[in-house]
N, C-alpha and C. Protein backbone atom coordinates (compact mmCIF):
# COMPACT_ATOMS: atom_id res chain seq x y z
N MET A 1 4.32 6.54 18.16
CA MET A 1 3.16 6.43 17.41
C MET A 1 2.10 7.97 16.85
N ALA A 2 2.44 8.15 15.78
CA ALA A 2 1.63 9.15 14.99
C ALA A 2 0.41 10.25 16.00
N GLN A 3 -0.33 11.20 15.43
CA GLN A 3 -1.17 11.82 15.88
C GLN A 3 -1.52 12.56 14.83
N VAL A 4 -2.80 12.46 15.13
CA VAL A 4 -3.83 13.90 13.81
C VAL A 4 -4.09 14.03 14.06
N ILE A 5 -5.01 15.10 13.41
CA ILE A 5 -5.86 16.00 14.53
C ILE A 5 -7.24 16.09 12.75
N VAL A 6 -8.06 15.85 13.07
CA VAL A 6 -9.25 16.69 11.90
C VAL A 6 -10.34 17.55 12.18
N ARG A 7 -9.56 18.93 11.49
CA ARG A 7 -11.03 19.74 12.30
C ARG A 7 -11.62 19.75 11.33
N ASN A 8 -12.59 20.50 11.48
CA ASN A 8 -14.41 20.74 10.73
C ASN A 8 -15.06 19.82 10.52
N LEU A 9 -14.82 18.57 11.03
CA LEU A 9 -15.89 17.27 11.06
C LEU A 9 -17.51 17.91 11.31
N ASP A 10 -17.94 17.60 10.31
CA ASP A 10 -19.62 17.68 10.35
C ASP A 10 -19.91 17.18 11.81
N ASP A 11 -21.00 18.14 12.31
CA ASP A 11 -21.19 16.94 13.73
C ASP A 11 -22.49 16.25 14.04
N ALA A 12 -22.77 15.88 12.90
CA ALA A 12 -23.46 14.88 11.79
C ALA A 12 -22.87 13.82 11.90
N VAL A 13 -21.26 13.54 11.06
CA VAL A 13 -20.86 12.76 11.25
C VAL A 13 -19.56 12.40 12.54
N VAL A 14 -19.67 13.54 13.94
CA VAL A 14 -19.46 12.79 14.72
C VAL A 14 -20.11 11.87 15.80
N SER A 15 -21.61 12.20 15.56
CA SER A 15 -21.93 11.82 16.20
C SER A 15 -22.87 10.43 15.78
N SER A 16 -22.97 9.86 13.89
CA SER A 16 -22.53 9.02 13.92
C SER A 16 -21.09 8.24 14.36
N LEU A 17 -20.31 8.57 14.33
CA LEU A 17 -18.84 7.62 15.08
C LEU A 17 -19.00 7.84 15.94
N LYS A 18 -19.95 8.40 17.16
CA LYS A 18 -19.99 7.77 18.51
C LYS A 18 -20.80 6.77 18.73
N PHE A 19 -21.99 6.78 18.10
CA PHE A 19 -23.22 5.70 17.94
C PHE A 19 -22.61 4.12 17.95
N LYS A 20 -21.77 4.56 16.39
CA LYS A 20 -21.20 3.06 16.08
C LYS A 20 -20.08 2.24 17.21
N ALA A 21 -19.33 3.41 18.08
CA ALA A 21 -18.37 3.30 18.89
C ALA A 21 -18.72 2.75 19.74
N GLU A 22 -20.18 2.68 20.57
CA GLU A 22 -21.26 2.84 21.19
C GLU A 22 -21.42 0.90 20.49
N LEU A 23 -22.08 1.04 19.53
CA LEU A 23 -22.31 0.01 18.90
C LEU A 23 -21.34 -1.36 18.91
N HIS A 24 -20.25 -1.04 18.54
CA HIS A 24 -19.10 -2.09 18.34
C HIS A 24 -18.07 -1.81 20.41
N GLY A 25 -19.08 -1.77 21.18
CA GLY A 25 -18.10 -1.08 22.25
C GLY A 25 -16.91 -1.03 23.01
N HIS A 26 -16.77 0.39 22.37
CA HIS A 26 -15.36 1.08 22.66
C HIS A 26 -14.92 2.54 22.49
N SER A 27 -14.37 2.74 22.83
CA SER A 27 -14.63 4.65 22.18
C SER A 27 -14.65 5.06 21.54
N LEU A 28 -14.80 6.59 21.11
CA LEU A 28 -14.96 6.65 19.49
C LEU A 28 -13.62 6.97 18.90
N GLU A 29 -12.69 6.91 19.71
CA GLU A 29 -11.20 7.30 19.18
C GLU A 29 -10.84 5.85 18.79
N GLN A 30 -10.50 4.58 19.28
CA GLN A 30 -10.46 3.81 19.07
C GLN A 30 -11.17 3.24 17.84
N GLU A 31 -12.53 3.97 17.81
CA GLU A 31 -12.69 3.45 16.20
C GLU A 31 -12.50 3.83 15.42
N LEU A 32 -12.27 5.70 15.42
CA LEU A 32 -11.23 5.91 14.44
C LEU A 32 -10.46 4.79 14.29
N ARG A 33 -9.51 4.59 15.02
CA ARG A 33 -8.38 4.03 14.82
C ARG A 33 -8.74 2.73 13.85
N GLU A 34 -9.79 1.82 14.14
CA GLU A 34 -10.21 0.89 13.58
C GLU A 34 -10.47 1.35 11.52
N ILE A 35 -11.27 2.44 12.28
CA ILE A 35 -11.41 2.56 10.24
C ILE A 35 -10.39 3.76 9.80
N LEU A 36 -9.47 3.94 10.44
CA LEU A 36 -8.61 3.94 9.34
C LEU A 36 -7.60 2.91 9.11
N LYS A 37 -7.89 2.38 10.53
CA LYS A 37 -6.95 1.12 9.74
C LYS A 37 -7.25 0.55 8.50
N ARG A 38 -8.54 0.40 8.58
CA ARG A 38 -9.18 -0.48 7.47
C ARG A 38 -9.23 0.52 5.90
N ALA A 39 -9.24 2.22 6.21
CA ALA A 39 -8.84 2.84 4.94
C ALA A 39 -7.77 2.78 4.23
N ALA A 40 -6.41 1.96 5.83
CA ALA A 40 -4.87 2.67 4.28
C ALA A 40 -4.82 1.11 4.00
N GLU A 41 -5.59 -0.21 4.33
CA GLU A 41 -4.97 -0.97 3.88
C GLU A 41 -5.55 -0.96 2.02
N LEU A 42 -3.86 -1.26 1.58
CA LEU A 42 -4.12 -1.26 -0.26
C LEU A 42 -4.68 -2.19 -0.67
N THR A 43 -5.74 -1.39 -1.98
CA THR A 43 -6.62 -2.93 -2.60
C THR A 43 -5.54 -3.58 -3.53
N THR A 44 -6.00 -4.76 -3.90
CA THR A 44 -5.10 -5.83 -4.94
C THR A 44 -4.51 -4.21 -6.08
N ASP A 45 -5.45 -3.59 -6.63
CA ASP A 45 -5.17 -2.60 -7.74
C ASP A 45 -4.04 -1.50 -7.26
N GLU A 46 -4.17 -1.11 -6.34
CA GLU A 46 -2.98 -0.28 -5.69
C GLU A 46 -1.71 -1.46 -5.58
N LYS A 47 -1.97 -1.94 -4.68
CA LYS A 47 -0.40 -3.26 -4.91
C LYS A 47 0.49 -2.85 -6.01
N LEU A 48 -0.29 -3.65 -6.69
CA LEU A 48 -0.09 -3.89 -8.74
C LEU A 48 0.84 -2.34 -8.55
N ALA A 49 -0.20 -1.22 -8.80
CA ALA A 49 0.18 0.12 -9.00
C ALA A 49 1.80 0.48 -8.46
N LEU A 50 1.78 -0.15 -7.38
CA LEU A 50 2.88 0.32 -6.20
C LEU A 50 4.52 -0.82 -6.97
N VAL A 51 3.78 -2.13 -7.28
CA VAL A 51 4.82 -3.13 -7.52
C VAL A 51 4.88 -2.51 -9.22
N ASP A 52 4.42 -1.67 -10.09
CA ASP A 52 4.25 -1.38 -11.09
C ASP A 52 5.54 0.20 -10.90
N ARG A 53 5.49 0.78 -10.21
CA ARG A 53 6.40 2.21 -10.14
C ARG A 53 7.79 1.82 -9.38
N ILE A 54 7.03 0.74 -8.39
CA ILE A 54 8.76 0.13 -8.11
C ILE A 54 9.54 -0.45 -9.96
N ARG A 55 8.73 -0.96 -10.47
CA ARG A 55 9.68 -2.02 -11.44
C ARG A 55 9.87 -0.63 -11.95
N ALA A 56 9.54 0.46 -12.43
CA ALA A 56 10.11 1.52 -12.85
C ALA A 56 10.85 1.76 -12.87
N MET A 57 11.27 1.90 -11.67
CA MET A 57 12.74 2.41 -11.17
C MET A 57 14.04 1.95 -11.37
N THR A 58 13.49 0.48 -11.43
CA THR A 58 14.71 -0.44 -11.34
C THR A 58 15.79 -0.70 -13.24
N PRO A 59 16.40 -0.68 -12.84
CA PRO A 59 17.55 -0.11 -14.40
C PRO A 59 17.01 -1.45 -14.96
N LYS A 60 17.37 -1.39 -16.31
CA LYS A 60 16.86 -2.12 -17.26
C LYS A 60 17.98 -2.63 -17.64
N ARG A 61 17.45 -4.51 -17.42
CA ARG A 61 19.34 -5.33 -18.03
C ARG A 61 18.99 -5.72 -19.51
N LEU A 62 20.30 -5.64 -20.08
CA LEU A 62 20.13 -6.90 -21.50
C LEU A 62 19.56 -7.62 -20.92
N GLU A 63 19.35 -8.30 -21.71
CA GLU A 63 19.33 -10.01 -21.82
C GLU A 63 20.12 -10.82 -22.89
N THR A 64 20.73 -11.53 -22.74
CA THR A 64 21.97 -12.48 -23.49
C THR A 64 20.72 -13.80 -23.48
N ASP A 65 20.73 -14.16 -24.45
CA ASP A 65 20.22 -15.46 -24.88
C ASP A 65 21.49 -16.87 -24.00
N SER A 66 21.29 -17.34 -22.90
CA SER A 66 22.69 -18.29 -22.87
C SER A 66 23.78 -19.34 -23.91
N THR A 67 22.61 -19.23 -24.91
CA THR A 67 23.67 -20.12 -25.66
C THR A 67 24.64 -19.38 -26.91
N ASP A 68 24.21 -18.23 -26.98
CA ASP A 68 25.23 -17.64 -27.53
C ASP A 68 26.06 -17.13 -27.17
N LEU A 69 26.34 -17.14 -25.47
CA LEU A 69 27.31 -16.66 -24.54
C LEU A 69 28.15 -18.17 -24.42
N ILE A 70 27.48 -19.01 -24.52
CA ILE A 70 28.61 -20.69 -24.68
C ILE A 70 29.00 -20.47 -25.42
N ARG A 71 28.99 -19.99 -26.74
CA ARG A 71 29.13 -20.40 -28.19
C ARG A 71 30.11 -19.43 -28.31
N GLU A 72 29.75 -17.93 -27.94
CA GLU A 72 30.87 -17.34 -27.84
C GLU A 72 32.38 -17.76 -27.00
N ASP A 73 32.35 -18.95 -25.66
CA ASP A 73 33.74 -18.89 -24.50
C ASP A 73 34.08 -19.69 -25.36
N ARG A 74 33.21 -20.54 -26.35
CA ARG A 74 33.62 -22.08 -27.02
C ARG A 74 34.53 -21.70 -27.93
N ASP A 75 34.33 -20.61 -29.21
CA ASP A 75 35.08 -20.25 -30.09
C ASP A 75 36.21 -19.65 -29.44
N SER A 76 36.03 -18.67 -28.25
CA SER A 76 37.30 -17.77 -27.88
C SER A 76 38.44 -19.28 -27.39
N ARG A 77 38.51 -20.32 -27.51
CA ARG A 77 39.33 -21.39 -27.35
C ARG A 77 40.22 -21.75 -28.84
């Protein structure tokens, strides 16, 4: 598992997080894990943006009407 160090946090922020952790019945470290886990979840808009990015990387295919292909095959006989 990865580790992250966050420097220069305001003392009031740390105190508030410690209080929240105490209210939820777990350690500051666990509270921070939960907060980061929730923050890392993608929103619907972010998921759609990811889909658009992947779609843009996919090469475009030429689409041919199937009736044209059938007609071409039939006429070539």
